[in-house]
Amino acid sequence: MASGRVVDLVNLTADDIHWPDIVAALSRLARFDGATGNCFYVVAQHCCIAHDHAGDDPTARLLALLHDAHEGLIGDITTPTVALLQRLDGAVGDDAKGLVDFAKRRIDAAIFAAAGINATHADTYRRLIHALDARVMATEIRDVLTPSHRPETWGQLAAPLTTRIKPWGADKAAEEFAARLGLYGIDGRGL
């Protein structure tokens, strides 16, 4: 971690979550494995956009902000990578996608607990957050990615947001993500 901390991902607890490390990692972690044309667009900004479009429910907004926080610990396992793992499932005899999802949920449970959210309660928002994430991704495809020579690769996309995305860069993304954490009494700056 940026702070020098080491965590045991297998036995992760809420006490292991150091918010400044999450902020640092997400603000430096490129969305789409960095395949964003001529800009640097990071997971922290993606999460802030989701937060800002999650409506008025504070729990929904916080969950939208944290929906990819596990990536601060395990990286962004991209959709094409998950698709590759799914295709290889039969060859290795395991449920690779299920394993990735299980790992993310375990890490999410520790992160949510550190944020004061019960993981079971968070499950009630899963569909809402998934739909919002799909809209943000459709917006990113429109605004941040170089147009694809094979647009069918994306399949049927959700309706994009009406606002346009202008990439912030790492420093502003860290500031903005930490500021949003602060709205919920979470110190993302380590002050």
N, C-alpha and C. Protein backbone atom coordinates (compact mmCIF):
# COMPACT_ATOMS: atom_id res chain seq x y z
N MET A 1 0.84 -1.17 0.00
CA MET A 1 0.00 0.00 0.00
C MET A 1 0.90 1.25 0.00
N ALA A 2 0.33 2.38 -0.39
CA ALA A 2 1.12 3.61 -0.47
C ALA A 2 1.74 3.99 0.87
N SER A 3 1.07 3.64 1.96
CA SER A 3 1.55 3.97 3.30
C SER A 3 2.65 3.02 3.78
N GLY A 4 2.86 1.93 3.06
CA GLY A 4 3.80 0.91 3.50
C GLY A 4 3.12 -0.23 4.24
N ARG A 5 1.83 -0.08 4.51
CA ARG A 5 1.09 -1.15 5.18
C ARG A 5 1.00 -2.37 4.27
N VAL A 6 0.88 -3.51 4.91
CA VAL A 6 0.66 -4.77 4.21
C VAL A 6 -0.61 -5.36 4.80
N VAL A 7 -1.50 -5.85 3.94
CA VAL A 7 -2.75 -6.45 4.42
C VAL A 7 -2.84 -7.89 3.95
N ASP A 8 -3.54 -8.69 4.73
CA ASP A 8 -3.81 -10.09 4.39
C ASP A 8 -5.17 -10.12 3.71
N LEU A 9 -5.18 -10.21 2.39
CA LEU A 9 -6.43 -10.16 1.65
C LEU A 9 -7.34 -11.34 1.96
N VAL A 10 -6.78 -12.45 2.36
CA VAL A 10 -7.59 -13.63 2.68
C VAL A 10 -8.37 -13.42 3.98
N ASN A 11 -7.77 -12.72 4.92
CA ASN A 11 -8.39 -12.50 6.23
C ASN A 11 -8.64 -11.02 6.49
N LEU A 12 -9.00 -10.28 5.47
CA LEU A 12 -9.18 -8.84 5.56
C LEU A 12 -10.33 -8.48 6.50
N THR A 13 -10.10 -7.48 7.34
CA THR A 13 -11.14 -6.98 8.24
C THR A 13 -11.26 -5.48 8.07
N ALA A 14 -12.28 -4.91 8.67
CA ALA A 14 -12.48 -3.47 8.62
C ALA A 14 -11.28 -2.73 9.19
N ASP A 15 -10.64 -3.31 10.19
CA ASP A 15 -9.47 -2.66 10.81
C ASP A 15 -8.28 -2.55 9.85
N ASP A 16 -8.28 -3.36 8.80
CA ASP A 16 -7.19 -3.32 7.82
C ASP A 16 -7.35 -2.20 6.80
N ILE A 17 -8.53 -1.61 6.74
CA ILE A 17 -8.80 -0.59 5.72
C ILE A 17 -8.24 0.75 6.18
N HIS A 18 -7.26 1.23 5.45
CA HIS A 18 -6.65 2.55 5.70
C HIS A 18 -7.08 3.43 4.53
N TRP A 19 -8.02 4.30 4.77
CA TRP A 19 -8.65 5.06 3.69
C TRP A 19 -7.66 5.84 2.82
N PRO A 20 -6.62 6.47 3.39
CA PRO A 20 -5.67 7.16 2.50
C PRO A 20 -5.01 6.21 1.49
N ASP A 21 -4.81 4.95 1.84
CA ASP A 21 -4.28 3.98 0.88
C ASP A 21 -5.28 3.69 -0.23
N ILE A 22 -6.54 3.59 0.13
CA ILE A 22 -7.58 3.35 -0.89
C ILE A 22 -7.65 4.55 -1.83
N VAL A 23 -7.64 5.76 -1.26
CA VAL A 23 -7.67 6.98 -2.08
C VAL A 23 -6.46 7.01 -3.02
N ALA A 24 -5.27 6.75 -2.49
CA ALA A 24 -4.05 6.79 -3.31
C ALA A 24 -4.12 5.78 -4.45
N ALA A 25 -4.53 4.56 -4.13
CA ALA A 25 -4.58 3.52 -5.16
C ALA A 25 -5.60 3.83 -6.24
N LEU A 26 -6.82 4.21 -5.84
CA LEU A 26 -7.87 4.45 -6.83
C LEU A 26 -7.58 5.68 -7.69
N SER A 27 -6.85 6.64 -7.14
CA SER A 27 -6.55 7.85 -7.92
C SER A 27 -5.39 7.63 -8.89
N ARG A 28 -4.71 6.51 -8.77
CA ARG A 28 -3.60 6.20 -9.67
C ARG A 28 -3.90 5.00 -10.58
N LEU A 29 -5.04 4.38 -10.36
CA LEU A 29 -5.41 3.17 -11.10
C LEU A 29 -6.24 3.54 -12.32
N ALA A 30 -5.71 3.26 -13.50
CA ALA A 30 -6.38 3.62 -14.75
C ALA A 30 -7.59 2.73 -15.00
N ARG A 31 -8.67 3.35 -15.43
CA ARG A 31 -9.83 2.59 -15.91
C ARG A 31 -9.46 1.97 -17.26
N PHE A 32 -10.12 0.87 -17.59
CA PHE A 32 -9.95 0.21 -18.88
C PHE A 32 -8.49 -0.16 -19.16
N ASP A 33 -7.76 -0.49 -18.12
CA ASP A 33 -6.33 -0.83 -18.25
C ASP A 33 -5.54 0.26 -18.97
N GLY A 34 -5.99 1.49 -18.86
CA GLY A 34 -5.28 2.61 -19.47
C GLY A 34 -5.57 2.80 -20.95
N ALA A 35 -6.48 2.02 -21.52
CA ALA A 35 -6.78 2.11 -22.95
C ALA A 35 -7.77 3.24 -23.21
N THR A 36 -7.39 4.45 -22.81
CA THR A 36 -8.30 5.59 -22.89
C THR A 36 -7.81 6.66 -23.85
N GLY A 37 -7.20 6.25 -24.92
CA GLY A 37 -6.77 7.22 -25.92
C GLY A 37 -5.71 8.16 -25.39
N ASN A 38 -5.96 9.44 -25.49
CA ASN A 38 -4.97 10.45 -25.13
C ASN A 38 -5.20 11.07 -23.76
N CYS A 39 -5.81 10.35 -22.84
CA CYS A 39 -6.05 10.92 -21.52
C CYS A 39 -5.78 9.86 -20.45
N PHE A 40 -5.64 10.34 -19.22
CA PHE A 40 -5.45 9.46 -18.07
C PHE A 40 -6.72 9.58 -17.23
N TYR A 41 -7.49 8.51 -17.20
CA TYR A 41 -8.78 8.50 -16.52
C TYR A 41 -8.75 7.40 -15.47
N VAL A 42 -9.07 7.75 -14.23
CA VAL A 42 -8.83 6.82 -13.12
C VAL A 42 -10.11 6.34 -12.44
N VAL A 43 -9.97 5.25 -11.72
CA VAL A 43 -11.08 4.62 -11.01
C VAL A 43 -11.69 5.58 -9.98
N ALA A 44 -10.88 6.38 -9.31
CA ALA A 44 -11.42 7.32 -8.31
C ALA A 44 -12.42 8.27 -8.95
N GLN A 45 -12.13 8.79 -10.13
CA GLN A 45 -13.08 9.69 -10.80
C GLN A 45 -14.34 8.93 -11.20
N HIS A 46 -14.18 7.72 -11.70
CA HIS A 46 -15.33 6.87 -12.03
C HIS A 46 -16.26 6.73 -10.82
N CYS A 47 -15.67 6.46 -9.66
CA CYS A 47 -16.46 6.29 -8.43
C CYS A 47 -17.12 7.59 -8.00
N CYS A 48 -16.43 8.71 -8.16
CA CYS A 48 -17.02 10.01 -7.83
C CYS A 48 -18.21 10.32 -8.73
N ILE A 49 -18.08 10.00 -10.00
CA ILE A 49 -19.20 10.23 -10.93
C ILE A 49 -20.40 9.38 -10.52
N ALA A 50 -20.16 8.13 -10.18
CA ALA A 50 -21.25 7.27 -9.72
C ALA A 50 -21.90 7.86 -8.47
N HIS A 51 -21.08 8.29 -7.52
CA HIS A 51 -21.59 8.92 -6.29
C HIS A 51 -22.49 10.10 -6.61
N ASP A 52 -22.03 10.96 -7.50
CA ASP A 52 -22.75 12.19 -7.80
C ASP A 52 -24.06 11.97 -8.54
N HIS A 53 -24.25 10.78 -9.11
CA HIS A 53 -25.47 10.47 -9.85
C HIS A 53 -26.33 9.41 -9.16
N ALA A 54 -26.07 9.16 -7.90
CA ALA A 54 -26.77 8.08 -7.18
C ALA A 54 -28.04 8.53 -6.47
N GLY A 55 -28.48 9.74 -6.70
CA GLY A 55 -29.71 10.21 -6.07
C GLY A 55 -29.48 10.79 -4.69
N ASP A 56 -30.55 10.87 -3.91
CA ASP A 56 -30.50 11.55 -2.61
C ASP A 56 -30.25 10.65 -1.42
N ASP A 57 -30.37 9.35 -1.59
CA ASP A 57 -30.19 8.41 -0.48
C ASP A 57 -28.71 8.36 -0.11
N PRO A 58 -28.35 8.78 1.12
CA PRO A 58 -26.93 8.81 1.50
C PRO A 58 -26.26 7.44 1.44
N THR A 59 -26.98 6.38 1.77
CA THR A 59 -26.39 5.04 1.70
C THR A 59 -26.09 4.66 0.26
N ALA A 60 -27.01 4.95 -0.64
CA ALA A 60 -26.79 4.68 -2.07
C ALA A 60 -25.59 5.48 -2.58
N ARG A 61 -25.49 6.72 -2.17
CA ARG A 61 -24.38 7.57 -2.62
C ARG A 61 -23.04 7.03 -2.12
N LEU A 62 -22.99 6.64 -0.84
CA LEU A 62 -21.74 6.10 -0.29
C LEU A 62 -21.38 4.77 -0.96
N LEU A 63 -22.37 3.92 -1.15
CA LEU A 63 -22.10 2.64 -1.83
C LEU A 63 -21.64 2.86 -3.27
N ALA A 64 -22.21 3.85 -3.94
CA ALA A 64 -21.76 4.17 -5.30
C ALA A 64 -20.31 4.64 -5.28
N LEU A 65 -19.95 5.44 -4.29
CA LEU A 65 -18.57 5.90 -4.17
C LEU A 65 -17.62 4.72 -3.93
N LEU A 66 -18.07 3.75 -3.14
CA LEU A 66 -17.21 2.64 -2.75
C LEU A 66 -17.35 1.40 -3.62
N HIS A 67 -18.20 1.45 -4.66
CA HIS A 67 -18.51 0.22 -5.39
C HIS A 67 -17.29 -0.44 -6.04
N ASP A 68 -16.26 0.31 -6.34
CA ASP A 68 -15.04 -0.28 -6.89
C ASP A 68 -13.84 -0.09 -5.96
N ALA A 69 -14.09 0.20 -4.69
CA ALA A 69 -12.99 0.43 -3.75
C ALA A 69 -12.11 -0.81 -3.59
N HIS A 70 -12.68 -2.00 -3.81
CA HIS A 70 -11.86 -3.22 -3.74
C HIS A 70 -10.71 -3.17 -4.74
N GLU A 71 -10.88 -2.41 -5.82
CA GLU A 71 -9.82 -2.30 -6.82
C GLU A 71 -8.58 -1.61 -6.25
N GLY A 72 -8.76 -0.85 -5.18
CA GLY A 72 -7.62 -0.26 -4.50
C GLY A 72 -6.74 -1.30 -3.83
N LEU A 73 -7.27 -2.51 -3.68
CA LEU A 73 -6.52 -3.61 -3.06
C LEU A 73 -6.12 -4.70 -4.06
N ILE A 74 -6.96 -4.93 -5.08
CA ILE A 74 -6.67 -6.03 -6.02
C ILE A 74 -6.56 -5.58 -7.48
N GLY A 75 -6.65 -4.29 -7.73
CA GLY A 75 -6.56 -3.80 -9.10
C GLY A 75 -7.91 -3.89 -9.81
N ASP A 76 -7.94 -3.35 -11.01
CA ASP A 76 -9.15 -3.35 -11.83
C ASP A 76 -9.12 -4.58 -12.73
N ILE A 77 -9.91 -5.57 -12.37
CA ILE A 77 -10.02 -6.77 -13.22
C ILE A 77 -11.05 -6.42 -14.28
N THR A 78 -10.57 -6.07 -15.47
CA THR A 78 -11.43 -5.51 -16.51
C THR A 78 -12.45 -6.52 -17.03
N THR A 79 -13.49 -6.00 -17.65
CA THR A 79 -14.54 -6.84 -18.24
C THR A 79 -13.96 -7.83 -19.26
N PRO A 80 -13.05 -7.41 -20.16
CA PRO A 80 -12.47 -8.40 -21.08
C PRO A 80 -11.67 -9.49 -20.36
N THR A 81 -11.02 -9.15 -19.26
CA THR A 81 -10.28 -10.16 -18.50
C THR A 81 -11.24 -11.16 -17.88
N VAL A 82 -12.34 -10.66 -17.32
CA VAL A 82 -13.34 -11.56 -16.74
C VAL A 82 -13.93 -12.45 -17.83
N ALA A 83 -14.18 -11.87 -19.02
CA ALA A 83 -14.70 -12.67 -20.14
C ALA A 83 -13.71 -13.77 -20.53
N LEU A 84 -12.42 -13.44 -20.54
CA LEU A 84 -11.39 -14.44 -20.83
C LEU A 84 -11.43 -15.55 -19.79
N LEU A 85 -11.51 -15.18 -18.52
CA LEU A 85 -11.56 -16.18 -17.45
C LEU A 85 -12.80 -17.07 -17.59
N GLN A 86 -13.92 -16.47 -17.98
CA GLN A 86 -15.15 -17.26 -18.19
C GLN A 86 -14.95 -18.27 -19.31
N ARG A 87 -14.31 -17.85 -20.39
CA ARG A 87 -14.09 -18.76 -21.51
C ARG A 87 -13.14 -19.88 -21.14
N LEU A 88 -12.20 -19.59 -20.25
CA LEU A 88 -11.24 -20.60 -19.83
C LEU A 88 -11.79 -21.50 -18.74
N ASP A 89 -12.95 -21.15 -18.17
CA ASP A 89 -13.55 -21.94 -17.10
C ASP A 89 -13.55 -23.43 -17.41
N GLY A 90 -14.09 -23.77 -18.57
CA GLY A 90 -14.21 -25.18 -18.94
C GLY A 90 -12.87 -25.88 -19.04
N ALA A 91 -11.86 -25.16 -19.50
CA ALA A 91 -10.53 -25.75 -19.66
C ALA A 91 -9.89 -26.10 -18.33
N VAL A 92 -10.17 -25.31 -17.31
CA VAL A 92 -9.53 -25.56 -16.01
C VAL A 92 -10.50 -26.18 -15.00
N GLY A 93 -11.77 -26.25 -15.37
CA GLY A 93 -12.75 -26.92 -14.51
C GLY A 93 -13.18 -26.13 -13.29
N ASP A 94 -12.92 -24.86 -13.26
CA ASP A 94 -13.31 -24.03 -12.12
C ASP A 94 -14.24 -22.92 -12.58
N ASP A 95 -14.90 -22.29 -11.63
CA ASP A 95 -15.76 -21.15 -11.91
C ASP A 95 -14.95 -19.88 -11.66
N ALA A 96 -14.15 -19.48 -12.65
CA ALA A 96 -13.24 -18.35 -12.48
C ALA A 96 -13.99 -17.06 -12.18
N LYS A 97 -15.07 -16.79 -12.92
CA LYS A 97 -15.83 -15.56 -12.68
C LYS A 97 -16.43 -15.58 -11.28
N GLY A 98 -16.97 -16.71 -10.89
CA GLY A 98 -17.53 -16.83 -9.54
C GLY A 98 -16.48 -16.59 -8.47
N LEU A 99 -15.28 -17.07 -8.72
CA LEU A 99 -14.18 -16.88 -7.77
C LEU A 99 -13.81 -15.40 -7.66
N VAL A 100 -13.71 -14.71 -8.81
CA VAL A 100 -13.40 -13.28 -8.80
C VAL A 100 -14.50 -12.52 -8.07
N ASP A 101 -15.76 -12.82 -8.37
CA ASP A 101 -16.88 -12.15 -7.70
C ASP A 101 -16.86 -12.40 -6.20
N PHE A 102 -16.57 -13.63 -5.80
CA PHE A 102 -16.51 -13.99 -4.38
C PHE A 102 -15.41 -13.19 -3.68
N ALA A 103 -14.24 -13.11 -4.31
CA ALA A 103 -13.13 -12.35 -3.71
C ALA A 103 -13.50 -10.88 -3.56
N LYS A 104 -14.12 -10.30 -4.60
CA LYS A 104 -14.53 -8.90 -4.53
C LYS A 104 -15.52 -8.68 -3.40
N ARG A 105 -16.48 -9.57 -3.26
CA ARG A 105 -17.50 -9.42 -2.21
C ARG A 105 -16.90 -9.51 -0.81
N ARG A 106 -15.93 -10.39 -0.64
CA ARG A 106 -15.27 -10.50 0.68
C ARG A 106 -14.52 -9.21 1.02
N ILE A 107 -13.83 -8.68 0.02
CA ILE A 107 -13.10 -7.42 0.24
C ILE A 107 -14.09 -6.28 0.45
N ASP A 108 -15.16 -6.25 -0.36
CA ASP A 108 -16.20 -5.24 -0.18
C ASP A 108 -16.77 -5.27 1.23
N ALA A 109 -16.98 -6.46 1.78
CA ALA A 109 -17.55 -6.57 3.13
C ALA A 109 -16.67 -5.86 4.15
N ALA A 110 -15.35 -6.02 4.04
CA ALA A 110 -14.43 -5.34 4.97
C ALA A 110 -14.46 -3.83 4.74
N ILE A 111 -14.47 -3.42 3.48
CA ILE A 111 -14.51 -1.99 3.16
C ILE A 111 -15.81 -1.37 3.65
N PHE A 112 -16.92 -2.03 3.37
CA PHE A 112 -18.21 -1.50 3.82
C PHE A 112 -18.28 -1.42 5.33
N ALA A 113 -17.77 -2.44 6.01
CA ALA A 113 -17.75 -2.42 7.48
C ALA A 113 -16.92 -1.25 7.99
N ALA A 114 -15.79 -0.99 7.34
CA ALA A 114 -14.95 0.15 7.74
C ALA A 114 -15.67 1.47 7.53
N ALA A 115 -16.59 1.49 6.56
CA ALA A 115 -17.38 2.70 6.28
C ALA A 115 -18.66 2.74 7.10
N GLY A 116 -18.88 1.72 7.93
CA GLY A 116 -20.08 1.70 8.77
C GLY A 116 -21.31 1.15 8.10
N ILE A 117 -21.13 0.40 7.01
CA ILE A 117 -22.26 -0.17 6.27
C ILE A 117 -22.24 -1.68 6.43
N ASN A 118 -23.35 -2.25 6.82
CA ASN A 118 -23.49 -3.70 6.92
C ASN A 118 -23.54 -4.28 5.51
N ALA A 119 -22.74 -5.30 5.24
CA ALA A 119 -22.67 -5.89 3.90
C ALA A 119 -24.02 -6.43 3.44
N THR A 120 -24.80 -6.98 4.36
CA THR A 120 -26.13 -7.48 4.00
C THR A 120 -27.02 -6.32 3.58
N HIS A 121 -26.93 -5.21 4.30
CA HIS A 121 -27.70 -4.02 3.93
C HIS A 121 -27.24 -3.51 2.56
N ALA A 122 -25.94 -3.59 2.30
CA ALA A 122 -25.41 -3.14 1.02
C ALA A 122 -25.99 -3.96 -0.13
N ASP A 123 -26.26 -5.24 0.11
CA ASP A 123 -26.82 -6.10 -0.94
C ASP A 123 -28.16 -5.59 -1.45
N THR A 124 -28.92 -4.90 -0.61
CA THR A 124 -30.22 -4.38 -1.04
C THR A 124 -30.06 -3.29 -2.10
N TYR A 125 -28.89 -2.72 -2.20
CA TYR A 125 -28.62 -1.66 -3.17
C TYR A 125 -27.89 -2.17 -4.42
N ARG A 126 -27.59 -3.46 -4.45
CA ARG A 126 -26.73 -4.01 -5.51
C ARG A 126 -27.27 -3.71 -6.92
N ARG A 127 -28.55 -3.91 -7.15
CA ARG A 127 -29.11 -3.66 -8.49
C ARG A 127 -29.01 -2.19 -8.88
N LEU A 128 -29.33 -1.32 -7.94
CA LEU A 128 -29.24 0.12 -8.20
C LEU A 128 -27.81 0.51 -8.57
N ILE A 129 -26.85 0.03 -7.80
CA ILE A 129 -25.45 0.38 -8.05
C ILE A 129 -24.98 -0.22 -9.37
N HIS A 130 -25.40 -1.44 -9.67
CA HIS A 130 -25.02 -2.08 -10.93
C HIS A 130 -25.56 -1.28 -12.12
N ALA A 131 -26.82 -0.86 -12.04
CA ALA A 131 -27.42 -0.08 -13.13
C ALA A 131 -26.71 1.27 -13.29
N LEU A 132 -26.39 1.90 -12.18
CA LEU A 132 -25.68 3.17 -12.22
C LEU A 132 -24.28 2.99 -12.81
N ASP A 133 -23.59 1.93 -12.41
CA ASP A 133 -22.26 1.63 -12.94
C ASP A 133 -22.32 1.44 -14.45
N ALA A 134 -23.37 0.79 -14.94
CA ALA A 134 -23.53 0.57 -16.38
C ALA A 134 -23.72 1.90 -17.12
N ARG A 135 -24.46 2.82 -16.51
CA ARG A 135 -24.65 4.15 -17.14
C ARG A 135 -23.35 4.94 -17.16
N VAL A 136 -22.59 4.85 -16.06
CA VAL A 136 -21.31 5.56 -16.03
C VAL A 136 -20.37 4.96 -17.08
N MET A 137 -20.35 3.63 -17.19
CA MET A 137 -19.49 3.00 -18.19
C MET A 137 -19.90 3.42 -19.61
N ALA A 138 -21.19 3.49 -19.89
CA ALA A 138 -21.64 3.93 -21.21
C ALA A 138 -21.18 5.36 -21.49
N THR A 139 -21.18 6.18 -20.46
CA THR A 139 -20.71 7.56 -20.59
C THR A 139 -19.21 7.59 -20.84
N GLU A 140 -18.48 6.74 -20.14
CA GLU A 140 -17.03 6.65 -20.35
C GLU A 140 -16.70 6.19 -21.76
N ILE A 141 -17.45 5.24 -22.26
CA ILE A 141 -17.23 4.75 -23.63
C ILE A 141 -17.43 5.90 -24.61
N ARG A 142 -18.45 6.71 -24.37
CA ARG A 142 -18.73 7.85 -25.24
C ARG A 142 -17.66 8.94 -25.13
N ASP A 143 -17.22 9.24 -23.89
CA ASP A 143 -16.42 10.44 -23.66
C ASP A 143 -14.92 10.22 -23.49
N VAL A 144 -14.51 9.03 -23.09
CA VAL A 144 -13.12 8.83 -22.70
C VAL A 144 -12.38 7.86 -23.62
N LEU A 145 -13.07 6.86 -24.12
CA LEU A 145 -12.41 5.87 -24.97
C LEU A 145 -12.35 6.34 -26.42
N THR A 146 -11.34 5.88 -27.12
CA THR A 146 -11.27 6.09 -28.56
C THR A 146 -12.38 5.26 -29.18
N PRO A 147 -13.14 5.82 -30.15
CA PRO A 147 -14.22 5.03 -30.75
C PRO A 147 -13.71 3.69 -31.26
N SER A 148 -14.48 2.66 -31.00
CA SER A 148 -14.09 1.30 -31.35
C SER A 148 -14.36 1.01 -32.82
N HIS A 149 -13.47 0.22 -33.40
CA HIS A 149 -13.71 -0.26 -34.76
C HIS A 149 -14.72 -1.41 -34.74
N ARG A 150 -14.99 -1.91 -33.53
CA ARG A 150 -15.96 -3.00 -33.35
C ARG A 150 -16.90 -2.63 -32.20
N PRO A 151 -17.80 -1.67 -32.41
CA PRO A 151 -18.68 -1.24 -31.32
C PRO A 151 -19.57 -2.35 -30.77
N GLU A 152 -19.79 -3.39 -31.56
CA GLU A 152 -20.62 -4.51 -31.09
C GLU A 152 -19.97 -5.24 -29.92
N THR A 153 -18.68 -5.02 -29.73
CA THR A 153 -17.95 -5.64 -28.61
C THR A 153 -18.61 -5.29 -27.28
N TRP A 154 -19.14 -4.08 -27.19
CA TRP A 154 -19.73 -3.62 -25.92
C TRP A 154 -21.11 -4.19 -25.69
N GLY A 155 -21.73 -4.74 -26.72
CA GLY A 155 -23.10 -5.24 -26.54
C GLY A 155 -24.07 -4.08 -26.37
N GLN A 156 -25.21 -4.38 -25.79
CA GLN A 156 -26.24 -3.37 -25.55
C GLN A 156 -25.82 -2.53 -24.34
N LEU A 157 -25.58 -1.25 -24.57
CA LEU A 157 -25.16 -0.36 -23.50
C LEU A 157 -26.35 0.31 -22.84
N ALA A 158 -26.18 0.65 -21.58
CA ALA A 158 -27.18 1.45 -20.86
C ALA A 158 -27.15 2.86 -21.45
N ALA A 159 -28.17 3.63 -21.13
CA ALA A 159 -28.20 5.03 -21.56
C ALA A 159 -27.10 5.80 -20.82
N PRO A 160 -26.27 6.54 -21.55
CA PRO A 160 -25.22 7.30 -20.86
C PRO A 160 -25.81 8.47 -20.08
N LEU A 161 -25.02 8.98 -19.17
CA LEU A 161 -25.42 10.18 -18.43
C LEU A 161 -25.43 11.36 -19.39
N THR A 162 -26.17 12.40 -19.05
CA THR A 162 -26.21 13.57 -19.93
C THR A 162 -24.97 14.44 -19.79
N THR A 163 -24.32 14.37 -18.63
CA THR A 163 -23.11 15.16 -18.42
C THR A 163 -21.93 14.53 -19.16
N ARG A 164 -20.97 15.35 -19.52
CA ARG A 164 -19.76 14.89 -20.20
C ARG A 164 -18.64 14.68 -19.19
N ILE A 165 -17.79 13.71 -19.45
CA ILE A 165 -16.65 13.43 -18.58
C ILE A 165 -15.42 14.13 -19.13
N LYS A 166 -14.76 14.89 -18.25
CA LYS A 166 -13.46 15.48 -18.55
C LYS A 166 -12.50 14.91 -17.52
N PRO A 167 -11.54 14.08 -17.93
CA PRO A 167 -10.63 13.44 -16.96
C PRO A 167 -9.91 14.46 -16.08
N TRP A 168 -9.85 14.13 -14.79
CA TRP A 168 -9.25 15.01 -13.79
C TRP A 168 -7.76 14.81 -13.63
N GLY A 169 -7.27 13.62 -13.83
CA GLY A 169 -5.90 13.30 -13.45
C GLY A 169 -5.85 12.82 -12.01
N ALA A 170 -4.72 12.28 -11.61
CA ALA A 170 -4.58 11.60 -10.32
C ALA A 170 -4.77 12.53 -9.12
N ASP A 171 -4.14 13.70 -9.13
CA ASP A 171 -4.20 14.57 -7.95
C ASP A 171 -5.61 15.06 -7.66
N LYS A 172 -6.29 15.55 -8.69
CA LYS A 172 -7.67 16.03 -8.49
C LYS A 172 -8.59 14.87 -8.12
N ALA A 173 -8.39 13.72 -8.74
CA ALA A 173 -9.22 12.56 -8.41
C ALA A 173 -9.05 12.16 -6.95
N ALA A 174 -7.83 12.20 -6.44
CA ALA A 174 -7.59 11.89 -5.03
C ALA A 174 -8.29 12.91 -4.13
N GLU A 175 -8.16 14.18 -4.47
CA GLU A 175 -8.82 15.25 -3.69
C GLU A 175 -10.33 15.05 -3.66
N GLU A 176 -10.90 14.82 -4.82
CA GLU A 176 -12.36 14.70 -4.93
C GLU A 176 -12.88 13.45 -4.22
N PHE A 177 -12.17 12.33 -4.37
CA PHE A 177 -12.60 11.10 -3.71
C PHE A 177 -12.53 11.27 -2.19
N ALA A 178 -11.43 11.83 -1.70
CA ALA A 178 -11.27 12.04 -0.26
C ALA A 178 -12.33 13.01 0.27
N ALA A 179 -12.64 14.04 -0.51
CA ALA A 179 -13.67 15.00 -0.08
C ALA A 179 -15.04 14.32 0.04
N ARG A 180 -15.35 13.45 -0.90
CA ARG A 180 -16.64 12.74 -0.82
C ARG A 180 -16.66 11.78 0.37
N LEU A 181 -15.54 11.10 0.63
CA LEU A 181 -15.48 10.26 1.84
C LEU A 181 -15.76 11.11 3.08
N GLY A 182 -15.21 12.31 3.09
CA GLY A 182 -15.40 13.21 4.23
C GLY A 182 -16.85 13.56 4.50
N LEU A 183 -17.68 13.52 3.46
CA LEU A 183 -19.12 13.78 3.65
C LEU A 183 -19.76 12.75 4.57
N TYR A 184 -19.12 11.60 4.71
CA TYR A 184 -19.65 10.50 5.52
C TYR A 184 -18.81 10.27 6.78
N GLY A 185 -17.99 11.27 7.11
CA GLY A 185 -17.18 11.17 8.31
C GLY A 185 -15.98 10.25 8.19
N ILE A 186 -15.57 9.96 6.95
CA ILE A 186 -14.43 9.08 6.71
C ILE A 186 -13.23 9.92 6.30
N ASP A 187 -12.12 9.75 6.99
CA ASP A 187 -10.91 10.52 6.71
C ASP A 187 -10.09 9.82 5.63
N GLY A 188 -10.20 10.31 4.42
CA GLY A 188 -9.44 9.74 3.31
C GLY A 188 -8.11 10.41 3.09
N ARG A 189 -7.83 11.44 3.87
CA ARG A 189 -6.58 12.18 3.71
C ARG A 189 -5.53 11.77 4.73
N GLY A 190 -5.94 11.10 5.78
CA GLY A 190 -5.00 10.69 6.81
C GLY A 190 -4.58 11.82 7.72
N LEU A 191 -5.45 12.80 7.89
CA LEU A 191 -5.15 13.96 8.74
C LEU A 191 -5.38 13.65 10.20
